[in-house]
PDB file of N, CA and C in Angstrom:
ATOM      1  N   THR A   1       0.841  -1.185   0.000  1.00  0.00           N
ATOM      2  CA  THR A   1       0.000   0.000   0.000  1.00  0.00           C
ATOM      3  C   THR A   1       0.877   1.235   0.000  1.00  0.00           C
ATOM      4  N   PRO A   2       0.596   2.211  -0.863  1.00  0.00           N
ATOM      5  CA  PRO A   2       1.372   3.442  -0.883  1.00  0.00           C
ATOM      6  C   PRO A   2       1.270   4.191   0.435  1.00  0.00           C
ATOM      7  N   HIS A   3       2.269   5.022   0.704  1.00  0.00           N
ATOM      8  CA  HIS A   3       2.286   5.818   1.917  1.00  0.00           C
ATOM      9  C   HIS A   3       1.096   6.764   1.928  1.00  0.00           C
ATOM     10  N   GLN A   4       0.457   6.855   3.084  1.00  0.00           N
ATOM     11  CA  GLN A   4      -0.696   7.716   3.237  1.00  0.00           C
ATOM     12  C   GLN A   4      -0.284   9.130   3.617  1.00  0.00           C
ATOM     13  N   ALA A   5      -0.798  10.112   2.936  1.00  0.00           N
ATOM     14  CA  ALA A   5      -0.577  11.502   3.320  1.00  0.00           C
ATOM     15  C   ALA A   5      -1.447  11.805   4.529  1.00  0.00           C
ATOM     16  N   CYS A   6      -1.055  12.797   5.299  1.00  0.00           N
ATOM     17  CA  CYS A   6      -1.834  13.177   6.481  1.00  0.00           C
ATOM     18  C   CYS A   6      -3.270  13.496   6.084  1.00  0.00           C
ATOM     19  N   GLY A   7      -4.206  12.889   6.774  1.00  0.00           N
ATOM     20  CA  GLY A   7      -5.608  13.167   6.546  1.00  0.00           C
ATOM     21  C   GLY A   7      -6.230  12.417   5.379  1.00  0.00           C
ATOM     22  N   GLU A   8      -5.457  11.667   4.619  1.00  0.00           N
ATOM     23  CA  GLU A   8      -6.006  10.924   3.491  1.00  0.00           C
ATOM     24  C   GLU A   8      -6.713   9.673   4.005  1.00  0.00           C
ATOM     25  N   ASN A   9      -7.900   9.429   3.498  1.00  0.00           N
ATOM     26  CA  ASN A   9      -8.626   8.218   3.882  1.00  0.00           C
ATOM     27  C   ASN A   9      -7.907   6.994   3.353  1.00  0.00           C
ATOM     28  N   ASP A  10      -7.968   5.917   4.111  1.00  0.00           N
ATOM     29  CA  ASP A  10      -7.348   4.666   3.686  1.00  0.00           C
ATOM     30  C   ASP A  10      -8.428   3.773   3.078  1.00  0.00           C
ATOM     31  N   CYS A  11      -8.563   3.832   1.768  1.00  0.00           N
ATOM     32  CA  CYS A  11      -9.589   3.025   1.109  1.00  0.00           C
ATOM     33  C   CYS A  11      -8.975   2.141   0.025  1.00  0.00           C
ATOM     34  N   TYR A  12      -7.689   1.861   0.145  1.00  0.00           N
ATOM     35  CA  TYR A  12      -7.017   1.015  -0.842  1.00  0.00           C
ATOM     36  C   TYR A  12      -7.607  -0.394  -0.839  1.00  0.00           C
ATOM     37  N   GLN A  13      -7.967  -0.893   0.348  1.00  0.00           N
ATOM     38  CA  GLN A  13      -8.584  -2.221   0.432  1.00  0.00           C
ATOM     39  C   GLN A  13      -9.949  -2.221  -0.253  1.00  0.00           C
ATOM     40  N   GLN A  14     -10.712  -1.144  -0.057  1.00  0.00           N
ATOM     41  CA  GLN A  14     -12.014  -1.030  -0.725  1.00  0.00           C
ATOM     42  C   GLN A  14     -11.837  -1.014  -2.243  1.00  0.00           C
ATOM     43  N   LYS A  15     -10.837  -0.268  -2.710  1.00  0.00           N
ATOM     44  CA  LYS A  15     -10.574  -0.216  -4.152  1.00  0.00           C
ATOM     45  C   LYS A  15     -10.242  -1.608  -4.680  1.00  0.00           C
ATOM     46  N   ASP A  16      -9.400  -2.346  -3.956  1.00  0.00           N
ATOM     47  CA  ASP A  16      -9.035  -3.695  -4.384  1.00  0.00           C
ATOM     48  C   ASP A  16     -10.246  -4.622  -4.405  1.00  0.00           C
ATOM     49  N   THR A  17     -11.135  -4.457  -3.431  1.00  0.00           N
ATOM     50  CA  THR A  17     -12.339  -5.294  -3.369  1.00  0.00           C
ATOM     51  C   THR A  17     -13.287  -4.958  -4.523  1.00  0.00           C
ATOM     52  N   VAL A  18     -13.493  -3.672  -4.781  1.00  0.00           N
ATOM     53  CA  VAL A  18     -14.337  -3.259  -5.911  1.00  0.00           C
ATOM     54  C   VAL A  18     -13.735  -3.790  -7.206  1.00  0.00           C
ATOM     55  N   ARG A  19     -12.437  -3.664  -7.324  1.00  0.00           N
ATOM     56  CA  ARG A  19     -11.754  -4.150  -8.531  1.00  0.00           C
ATOM     57  C   ARG A  19     -11.956  -5.649  -8.726  1.00  0.00           C
ATOM     58  N   SER A  20     -11.778  -6.414  -7.665  1.00  0.00           N
ATOM     59  CA  SER A  20     -11.906  -7.872  -7.807  1.00  0.00           C
ATOM     60  C   SER A  20     -13.352  -8.311  -8.055  1.00  0.00           C
ATOM     61  N   GLN A  21     -14.320  -7.628  -7.445  1.00  0.00           N
ATOM     62  CA  GLN A  21     -15.724  -8.022  -7.599  1.00  0.00           C
ATOM     63  C   GLN A  21     -16.373  -7.467  -8.875  1.00  0.00           C
ATOM     64  N   CYS A  22     -15.788  -6.408  -9.428  1.00  0.00           N
ATOM     65  CA  CYS A  22     -16.447  -5.693 -10.533  1.00  0.00           C
ATOM     66  C   CYS A  22     -15.586  -5.560 -11.784  1.00  0.00           C
ATOM     67  N   MET A  23     -14.517  -6.301 -11.892  1.00  0.00           N
ATOM     68  CA  MET A  23     -13.582  -6.110 -12.999  1.00  0.00           C
ATOM     69  C   MET A  23     -14.244  -6.276 -14.362  1.00  0.00           C
ATOM     70  N   ASN A  24     -15.195  -7.186 -14.503  1.00  0.00           N
ATOM     71  CA  ASN A  24     -15.866  -7.359 -15.796  1.00  0.00           C
ATOM     72  C   ASN A  24     -16.602  -6.094 -16.223  1.00  0.00           C
ATOM     73  N   THR A  25     -17.039  -5.307 -15.262  1.00  0.00           N
ATOM     74  CA  THR A  25     -17.777  -4.083 -15.543  1.00  0.00           C
ATOM     75  C   THR A  25     -16.853  -2.906 -15.801  1.00  0.00           C
ATOM     76  N   ILE A  26     -15.736  -2.800 -15.072  1.00  0.00           N
ATOM     77  CA  ILE A  26     -14.900  -1.600 -15.127  1.00  0.00           C
ATOM     78  C   ILE A  26     -13.613  -1.752 -15.935  1.00  0.00           C
ATOM     79  N   LYS A  27     -13.396  -2.938 -16.507  1.00  0.00           N
ATOM     80  CA  LYS A  27     -12.163  -3.114 -17.285  1.00  0.00           C
ATOM     81  C   LYS A  27     -12.141  -2.144 -18.454  1.00  0.00           C
ATOM     82  N   ILE A  28     -10.952  -1.699 -18.779  1.00  0.00           N
ATOM     83  CA  ILE A  28     -10.782  -0.646 -19.784  1.00  0.00           C
ATOM     84  C   ILE A  28     -11.133  -1.140 -21.192  1.00  0.00           C
ATOM     85  N   ILE A  29     -10.908  -2.415 -21.450  1.00  0.00           N
ATOM     86  CA  ILE A  29     -11.175  -2.971 -22.777  1.00  0.00           C
ATOM     87  C   ILE A  29     -12.568  -3.589 -22.808  1.00  0.00           C
ATOM     88  N   GLY A  30     -13.293  -3.302 -23.864  1.00  0.00           N
ATOM     89  CA  GLY A  30     -14.621  -3.880 -24.032  1.00  0.00           C
ATOM     90  C   GLY A  30     -15.714  -2.937 -23.579  1.00  0.00           C
ATOM     91  N   ALA A  31     -16.920  -3.366 -23.827  1.00  0.00           N
ATOM     92  CA  ALA A  31     -18.090  -2.561 -23.481  1.00  0.00           C
ATOM     93  C   ALA A  31     -18.410  -2.683 -21.992  1.00  0.00           C
ATOM     94  N   TYR A  32     -19.132  -1.710 -21.493  1.00  0.00           N
ATOM     95  CA  TYR A  32     -19.602  -1.730 -20.107  1.00  0.00           C
ATOM     96  C   TYR A  32     -20.569  -2.888 -19.939  1.00  0.00           C
ATOM     97  N   GLU A  33     -20.367  -3.696 -18.910  1.00  0.00           N
ATOM     98  CA  GLU A  33     -21.260  -4.817 -18.611  1.00  0.00           C
ATOM     99  C   GLU A  33     -22.079  -4.499 -17.372  1.00  0.00           C
ATOM    100  N   THR A  34     -23.314  -4.923 -17.365  1.00  0.00           N
ATOM    101  CA  THR A  34     -24.161  -4.729 -16.197  1.00  0.00           C
ATOM    102  C   THR A  34     -23.512  -5.414 -14.999  1.00  0.00           C
ATOM    103  N   PRO A  35     -23.393  -4.714 -13.866  1.00  0.00           N
ATOM    104  CA  PRO A  35     -22.738  -5.302 -12.702  1.00  0.00           C
ATOM    105  C   PRO A  35     -23.575  -6.406 -12.057  1.00  0.00           C
ATOM    106  N   SER A  36     -22.873  -7.346 -11.446  1.00  0.00           N
ATOM    107  CA  SER A  36     -23.551  -8.414 -10.711  1.00  0.00           C
ATOM    108  C   SER A  36     -24.091  -7.868  -9.390  1.00  0.00           C
ATOM    109  N   LYS A  37     -24.960  -8.620  -8.754  1.00  0.00           N
ATOM    110  CA  LYS A  37     -25.496  -8.219  -7.449  1.00  0.00           C
ATOM    111  C   LYS A  37     -24.376  -8.125  -6.421  1.00  0.00           C
ATOM    112  N   LYS A  38     -23.430  -9.064  -6.489  1.00  0.00           N
ATOM    113  CA  LYS A  38     -22.302  -9.065  -5.563  1.00  0.00           C
ATOM    114  C   LYS A  38     -21.435  -7.823  -5.770  1.00  0.00           C
ATOM    115  N   CYS A  39     -21.239  -7.441  -7.023  1.00  0.00           N
ATOM    116  CA  CYS A  39     -20.479  -6.241  -7.348  1.00  0.00           C
ATOM    117  C   CYS A  39     -21.169  -5.010  -6.762  1.00  0.00           C
ATOM    118  N   CYS A  40     -22.462  -4.860  -6.999  1.00  0.00           N
ATOM    119  CA  CYS A  40     -23.199  -3.698  -6.488  1.00  0.00           C
ATOM    120  C   CYS A  40     -23.201  -3.658  -4.960  1.00  0.00           C
ATOM    121  N   LYS A  41     -23.293  -4.808  -4.344  1.00  0.00           N
ATOM    122  CA  LYS A  41     -23.247  -4.848  -2.874  1.00  0.00           C
ATOM    123  C   LYS A  41     -21.897  -4.317  -2.386  1.00  0.00           C
ATOM    124  N   THR A  42     -20.828  -4.689  -3.068  1.00  0.00           N
ATOM    125  CA  THR A  42     -19.487  -4.211  -2.722  1.00  0.00           C
ATOM    126  C   THR A  42     -19.386  -2.706  -2.928  1.00  0.00           C
ATOM    127  N   VAL A  43     -19.927  -2.205  -4.038  1.00  0.00           N
ATOM    128  CA  VAL A  43     -19.894  -0.774  -4.338  1.00  0.00           C
ATOM    129  C   VAL A  43     -20.657   0.015  -3.280  1.00  0.00           C
ATOM    130  N   ARG A  44     -21.829  -0.463  -2.897  1.00  0.00           N
ATOM    131  CA  ARG A  44     -22.633   0.242  -1.895  1.00  0.00           C
ATOM    132  C   ARG A  44     -21.943   0.283  -0.535  1.00  0.00           C
ATOM    133  N   ALA A  45     -21.092  -0.693  -0.255  1.00  0.00           N
ATOM    134  CA  ALA A  45     -20.377  -0.745   1.026  1.00  0.00           C
ATOM    135  C   ALA A  45     -19.067   0.046   0.990  1.00  0.00           C
ATOM    136  N   SER A  46     -18.742   0.646  -0.157  1.00  0.00           N
ATOM    137  CA  SER A  46     -17.462   1.332  -0.333  1.00  0.00           C
ATOM    138  C   SER A  46     -17.637   2.844  -0.415  1.00  0.00           C
ATOM    139  N   ASP A  47     -16.580   3.562  -0.067  1.00  0.00           N
ATOM    140  CA  ASP A  47     -16.529   5.015  -0.226  1.00  0.00           C
ATOM    141  C   ASP A  47     -16.040   5.272  -1.648  1.00  0.00           C
ATOM    142  N   MET A  48     -16.963   5.435  -2.574  1.00  0.00           N
ATOM    143  CA  MET A  48     -16.600   5.527  -3.986  1.00  0.00           C
ATOM    144  C   MET A  48     -15.841   6.808  -4.323  1.00  0.00           C
ATOM    145  N   ASP A  49     -16.071   7.887  -3.589  1.00  0.00           N
ATOM    146  CA  ASP A  49     -15.257   9.091  -3.794  1.00  0.00           C
ATOM    147  C   ASP A  49     -13.793   8.769  -3.517  1.00  0.00           C
ATOM    148  N   CYS A  50     -13.548   8.066  -2.434  1.00  0.00           N
ATOM    149  CA  CYS A  50     -12.184   7.703  -2.049  1.00  0.00           C
ATOM    150  C   CYS A  50     -11.600   6.683  -3.021  1.00  0.00           C
ATOM    151  N   VAL A  51     -12.392   5.702  -3.417  1.00  0.00           N
ATOM    152  CA  VAL A  51     -11.924   4.693  -4.366  1.00  0.00           C
ATOM    153  C   VAL A  51     -11.484   5.374  -5.660  1.00  0.00           C
ATOM    154  N   CYS A  52     -12.269   6.324  -6.136  1.00  0.00           N
ATOM    155  CA  CYS A  52     -11.890   7.068  -7.345  1.00  0.00           C
ATOM    156  C   CYS A  52     -10.600   7.847  -7.125  1.00  0.00           C
ATOM    157  N   HIS A  53     -10.473   8.441  -5.964  1.00  0.00           N
ATOM    158  CA  HIS A  53      -9.306   9.273  -5.659  1.00  0.00           C
ATOM    159  C   HIS A  53      -8.004   8.474  -5.660  1.00  0.00           C
ATOM    160  N   VAL A  54      -8.047   7.221  -5.222  1.00  0.00           N
ATOM    161  CA  VAL A  54      -6.815   6.425  -5.102  1.00  0.00           C
ATOM    162  C   VAL A  54      -6.543   5.566  -6.337  1.00  0.00           C
ATOM    163  N   LEU A  55      -7.294   5.777  -7.401  1.00  0.00           N
ATOM    164  CA  LEU A  55      -7.034   5.083  -8.665  1.00  0.00           C
ATOM    165  C   LEU A  55      -5.683   5.558  -9.194  1.00  0.00           C
ATOM    166  N   THR A  56      -4.747   4.649  -9.396  1.00  0.00           N
ATOM    167  CA  THR A  56      -3.390   5.020  -9.808  1.00  0.00           C
ATOM    168  C   THR A  56      -3.318   5.261 -11.310  1.00  0.00           C
ATOM    169  N   PRO A  57      -2.285   5.977 -11.760  1.00  0.00           N
ATOM    170  CA  PRO A  57      -2.134   6.193 -13.205  1.00  0.00           C
ATOM    171  C   PRO A  57      -2.027   4.880 -13.973  1.00  0.00           C
ATOM    172  N   LYS A  58      -1.306   3.900 -13.432  1.00  0.00           N
ATOM    173  CA  LYS A  58      -1.174   2.603 -14.110  1.00  0.00           C
ATOM    174  C   LYS A  58      -2.536   1.947 -14.282  1.00  0.00           C
ATOM    175  N   GLU A  59      -3.334   1.952 -13.206  1.00  0.00           N
ATOM    176  CA  GLU A  59      -4.665   1.353 -13.284  1.00  0.00           C
ATOM    177  C   GLU A  59      -5.536   2.102 -14.291  1.00  0.00           C
ATOM    178  N   ALA A  60      -5.476   3.432 -14.258  1.00  0.00           N
ATOM    179  CA  ALA A  60      -6.323   4.245 -15.134  1.00  0.00           C
ATOM    180  C   ALA A  60      -5.926   4.131 -16.599  1.00  0.00           C
ATOM    181  N   LEU A  61      -4.676   3.822 -16.861  1.00  0.00           N
ATOM    182  CA  LEU A  61      -4.217   3.723 -18.247  1.00  0.00           C
ATOM    183  C   LEU A  61      -4.289   2.315 -18.819  1.00  0.00           C
ATOM    184  N   LYS A  62      -4.205   1.293 -17.958  1.00  0.00           N
ATOM    185  CA  LYS A  62      -4.092  -0.068 -18.462  1.00  0.00           C
ATOM    186  C   LYS A  62      -5.168  -1.038 -18.003  1.00  0.00           C
ATOM    187  N   GLU A  63      -5.857  -0.746 -16.891  1.00  0.00           N
ATOM    188  CA  GLU A  63      -6.737  -1.756 -16.316  1.00  0.00           C
ATOM    189  C   GLU A  63      -8.178  -1.296 -16.110  1.00  0.00           C
ATOM    190  N   ILE A  64      -8.352  -0.149 -15.464  1.00  0.00           N
ATOM    191  CA  ILE A  64      -9.672   0.286 -14.998  1.00  0.00           C
ATOM    192  C   ILE A  64     -10.092   1.560 -15.714  1.00  0.00           C
ATOM    193  N   SER A  65     -11.296   1.564 -16.229  1.00  0.00           N
ATOM    194  CA  SER A  65     -11.854   2.759 -16.860  1.00  0.00           C
ATOM    195  C   SER A  65     -12.503   3.622 -15.779  1.00  0.00           C
ATOM    196  N   ALA A  66     -11.978   4.842 -15.603  1.00  0.00           N
ATOM    197  CA  ALA A  66     -12.561   5.768 -14.624  1.00  0.00           C
ATOM    198  C   ALA A  66     -14.003   6.101 -15.003  1.00  0.00           C
ATOM    199  N   VAL A  67     -14.279   6.214 -16.283  1.00  0.00           N
ATOM    200  CA  VAL A  67     -15.635   6.510 -16.758  1.00  0.00           C
ATOM    201  C   VAL A  67     -16.584   5.374 -16.359  1.00  0.00           C
ATOM    202  N   LYS A  68     -16.151   4.137 -16.576  1.00  0.00           N
ATOM    203  CA  LYS A  68     -16.990   2.987 -16.206  1.00  0.00           C
ATOM    204  C   LYS A  68     -17.134   2.865 -14.694  1.00  0.00           C
ATOM    205  N   LEU A  69     -16.103   3.252 -13.948  1.00  0.00           N
ATOM    206  CA  LEU A  69     -16.166   3.218 -12.485  1.00  0.00           C
ATOM    207  C   LEU A  69     -17.221   4.200 -11.977  1.00  0.00           C
ATOM    208  N   VAL A  70     -17.267   5.385 -12.565  1.00  0.00           N
ATOM    209  CA  VAL A  70     -18.283   6.373 -12.187  1.00  0.00           C
ATOM    210  C   VAL A  70     -19.672   5.863 -12.574  1.00  0.00           C
ATOM    211  N   GLN A  71     -19.804   5.289 -13.767  1.00  0.00           N
ATOM    212  CA  GLN A  71     -21.092   4.738 -14.212  1.00  0.00           C
ATOM    213  C   GLN A  71     -21.528   3.608 -13.275  1.00  0.00           C
ATOM    214  N   LEU A  72     -20.593   2.756 -12.888  1.00  0.00           N
ATOM    215  CA  LEU A  72     -20.889   1.669 -11.954  1.00  0.00           C
ATOM    216  C   LEU A  72     -21.410   2.217 -10.632  1.00  0.00           C
ATOM    217  N   SER A  73     -20.746   3.244 -10.116  1.00  0.00           N
ATOM    218  CA  SER A  73     -21.164   3.814  -8.831  1.00  0.00           C
ATOM    219  C   SER A  73     -22.591   4.357  -8.911  1.00  0.00           C
ATOM    220  N   ARG A  74     -22.940   4.953 -10.044  1.00  0.00           N
ATOM    221  CA  ARG A  74     -24.308   5.457 -10.217  1.00  0.00           C
ATOM    222  C   ARG A  74     -25.318   4.316 -10.302  1.00  0.00           C
ATOM    223  N   GLU A  75     -24.979   3.315 -11.112  1.00  0.00           N
ATOM    224  CA  GLU A  75     -25.904   2.197 -11.312  1.00  0.00           C
ATOM    225  C   GLU A  75     -26.154   1.426 -10.016  1.00  0.00           C
ATOM    226  N   CYS A  76     -25.164   1.382  -9.155  1.00  0.00           N
ATOM    227  CA  CYS A  76     -25.286   0.645  -7.883  1.00  0.00           C
ATOM    228  C   CYS A  76     -25.756   1.542  -6.736  1.00  0.00           C
ATOM    229  N   ARG A  77     -26.237   2.729  -7.068  1.00  0.00           N
ATOM    230  CA  ARG A  77     -26.819   3.661  -6.109  1.00  0.00           C
ATOM    231  C   ARG A  77     -25.851   4.110  -5.009  1.00  0.00           C
ATOM    232  N   ASN A  78     -24.596   4.330  -5.380  1.00  0.00           N
ATOM    233  CA  ASN A  78     -23.607   4.928  -4.489  1.00  0.00           C
ATOM    234  C   ASN A  78     -22.723   5.833  -5.343  1.00  0.00           C
ATOM    235  N   PRO A  79     -23.341   6.880  -5.940  1.00  0.00           N
ATOM    236  CA  PRO A  79     -22.619   7.669  -6.937  1.00  0.00           C
ATOM    237  C   PRO A  79     -21.454   8.473  -6.370  1.00  0.00           C
ATOM    238  N   VAL A  80     -20.459   8.645  -7.216  1.00  0.00           N
ATOM    239  CA  VAL A  80     -19.354   9.541  -6.907  1.00  0.00           C
ATOM    240  C   VAL A  80     -19.947  10.943  -6.851  1.00  0.00           C
ATOM    241  N   THR A  81     -19.529  11.734  -5.877  1.00  0.00           N
ATOM    242  CA  THR A  81     -20.042  13.089  -5.695  1.00  0.00           C
ATOM    243  C   THR A  81     -19.811  13.928  -6.949  1.00  0.00           C
ATOM    244  N   VAL A  82     -20.817  14.684  -7.338  1.00  0.00           N
ATOM    245  CA  VAL A  82     -20.717  15.560  -8.503  1.00  0.00           C
ATOM    246  C   VAL A  82     -19.547  16.520  -8.307  1.00  0.00           C
ATOM    247  N   GLY A  83     -18.714  16.637  -9.329  1.00  0.00           N
ATOM    248  CA  GLY A  83     -17.551  17.511  -9.274  1.00  0.00           C
ATOM    249  C   GLY A  83     -16.300  16.832  -8.740  1.00  0.00           C
ATOM    250  N   HIS A  84     -16.438  15.621  -8.225  1.00  0.00           N
ATOM    251  CA  HIS A  84     -15.295  14.878  -7.698  1.00  0.00           C
ATOM    252  C   HIS A  84     -14.529  14.264  -8.867  1.00  0.00           C
ATOM    253  N   LYS A  85     -13.237  14.404  -8.881  1.00  0.00           N
ATOM    254  CA  LYS A  85     -12.421  13.845  -9.958  1.00  0.00           C
ATOM    255  C   LYS A  85     -12.148  12.371  -9.683  1.00  0.00           C
ATOM    256  N   CYS A  86     -12.274  11.568 -10.705  1.00  0.00           N
ATOM    257  CA  CYS A  86     -12.026  10.136 -10.567  1.00  0.00           C
ATOM    258  C   CYS A  86     -10.716   9.802 -11.256  1.00  0.00           C
ATOM    259  N   GLY A  87      -9.762   9.315 -10.507  1.00  0.00           N
ATOM    260  CA  GLY A  87      -8.456   8.969 -11.049  1.00  0.00           C
ATOM    261  C   GLY A  87      -7.386   9.893 -10.519  1.00  0.00           C
ATOM    262  N   CYS A  88      -6.182   9.544 -10.814  1.00  0.00           N
ATOM    263  CA  CYS A  88      -5.015  10.289 -10.359  1.00  0.00           C
ATOM    264  C   CYS A  88      -4.976  11.666 -10.995  1.00  0.00           C
ATOM    265  N   LYS A  89      -4.480  12.657 -10.242  1.00  0.00           N
ATOM    266  CA  LYS A  89      -4.405  14.017 -10.788  1.00  0.00           C
ATOM    267  C   LYS A  89      -3.437  14.111 -11.957  1.00  0.00           C
ATOM    268  N   TYR A  90      -2.540  13.123 -12.110  1.00  0.00           N
ATOM    269  CA  TYR A  90      -1.583  13.131 -13.200  1.00  0.00           C
ATOM    270  C   TYR A  90      -2.065  12.336 -14.405  1.00  0.00           C
ATOM    271  N   TYR A  91      -3.263  11.769 -14.324  1.00  0.00           N
ATOM    272  CA  TYR A  91      -3.801  10.911 -15.375  1.00  0.00           C
ATOM    273  C   TYR A  91      -3.809  11.602 -16.744  1.00  0.00           C
ATOM    274  N   GLN A  92      -4.336  12.828 -16.802  1.00  0.00           N
ATOM    275  CA  GLN A  92      -4.434  13.510 -18.095  1.00  0.00           C
ATOM    276  C   GLN A  92      -3.057  13.880 -18.637  1.00  0.00           C
ATOM    277  N   ILE A  93      -2.115  14.202 -17.759  1.00  0.00           N
ATOM    278  CA  ILE A  93      -0.754  14.498 -18.208  1.00  0.00           C
ATOM    279  C   ILE A  93      -0.149  13.258 -18.841  1.00  0.00           C
ATOM    280  N   LEU A  94      -0.348  12.108 -18.223  1.00  0.00           N
ATOM    281  CA  LEU A  94       0.233  10.871 -18.728  1.00  0.00           C
ATOM    282  C   LEU A  94      -0.366  10.459 -20.071  1.00  0.00           C
ATOM    283  N   LEU A  95      -1.582  10.867 -20.338  1.00  0.00           N
ATOM    284  CA  LEU A  95      -2.197  10.522 -21.617  1.00  0.00           C
ATOM    285  C   LEU A  95      -1.462  11.139 -22.789  1.00  0.00           C
ATOM    286  N   PHE A  96      -0.791  12.259 -22.547  1.00  0.00           N
ATOM    287  CA  PHE A  96      -0.115  12.966 -23.625  1.00  0.00           C
ATOM    288  C   PHE A  96       1.376  12.722 -23.668  1.00  0.00           C
ATOM    289  N   VAL A  97       1.906  11.918 -22.734  1.00  0.00           N
ATOM    290  CA  VAL A  97       3.344  11.646 -22.687  1.00  0.00           C
ATOM    291  C   VAL A  97       3.663  10.403 -23.494  1.00  0.00           C
TER     292      VAL A  97
END
């Protein structure tokens, strides 16, 4: 687990759980798939704002679609807060490098 900055929520375990239960829905390749009941239960039990915040550049570029993650959170009735950024703050910079 990466070092935690002061005051940062520790939701890396939640992110890993969402990833393992919902990978078919949030994988970067392929179309969005309807989430399973188990996936939605995991999403509802997670702090999705925090899960989005701790999405790493590697995950956002190669494994997990931030767009699908936000869509998943909405579909499972635990939406990411409006205006909250999903993914690493360096994600857009890395897209152009």
